[in-house]
Amino acid sequence: MNFIDEFGPFCKILAEQSSGIIRQYFRKHIEVDSKSDNSPVTIADKKSEELMRNLIRKEFPEHGIIGEEFGEENADADFVWVLDPIDGTKSFICGALSFGTLIALLYKNQPVLGVINHPVLNEFLIGDNNICLLNGNRVKVREKENLSEAVLLTTDHLNIKKYQNEKKFDQLINSVWLYRNWGDCYGYYLVATGFADIMIDPIMSVWDTMALIPIINGAGGIITDYHGNNPVKGNSIIAASPKIHSKVIEILN
């Protein structure tokens, strides 16, 4: 099955319609609530996920759904949609552009389709593990060979110290050309489209991770957990170009 041909148009509908809601609240003074893990959530997160869930239920009633804001339903189905309506809510509430919507489709627990959609930038990135398209045009990771030429990104530097070995990460920082915190899904977008070389998150949830796997694979990159293992089963991510990924794993581990 060609998953982009089969489900890509519907992914585009999910992205466009959720974008309409998100844009209504962007750079507006809206209430910000705290979830049980102290992460922020807004009306934009909730309303956009509700909309996507309703569209999926209507179009594919036999499919399952896992969402950041409203949990699981029919999660043991063959096809399951995994939704993060606003990946980067902290960026969103601060008026920054580095947030997006993550949409993944799993088939028998494996991610076969992933979307990073930027509602404000009007950029729709979709991958199926074999190809990656930005607004319909193919994109690929760039093939830097040396860490000394590489751009390294992470979402929150404080999370490195909290969840992984900070000294080893500092060693990686000192090995690359440029280190920045252009994170959340935007960092993976930059790797997949060839503008950065390494994106690392030391802690991730299923709704953060699943969409990224078909995108990075489709763009010709390597994506694993922090220790080089299968990212589907992990709770962290390292995404990089093929010639650099193993060097990153070696330094960090």
Foldseek 3Di string as FASTA:
>chain_A
DQCCVVCVVVVVVLQQVLLVLLVVCFPHDFDWDADPVRDIDGPSQVVSVVVSVVSCCVPPVQEKEAEPPPGTDNPQGQKYKFWRSWFPVVCRNVNHQLIFIWIFIHGNLATQKIWTARSVVRWIWMFGLAFIDIVRHTAAFDDDQFQQAFEEEEADLVVCVVQADNVLVVVSCVRHNYYDHSDQVSVLVCRLRHNGFKYWDLFADQSSPRNSNRSLSNRQWDKAALQRHHNSPDGIIIIGHPNCVVVSNVSRD
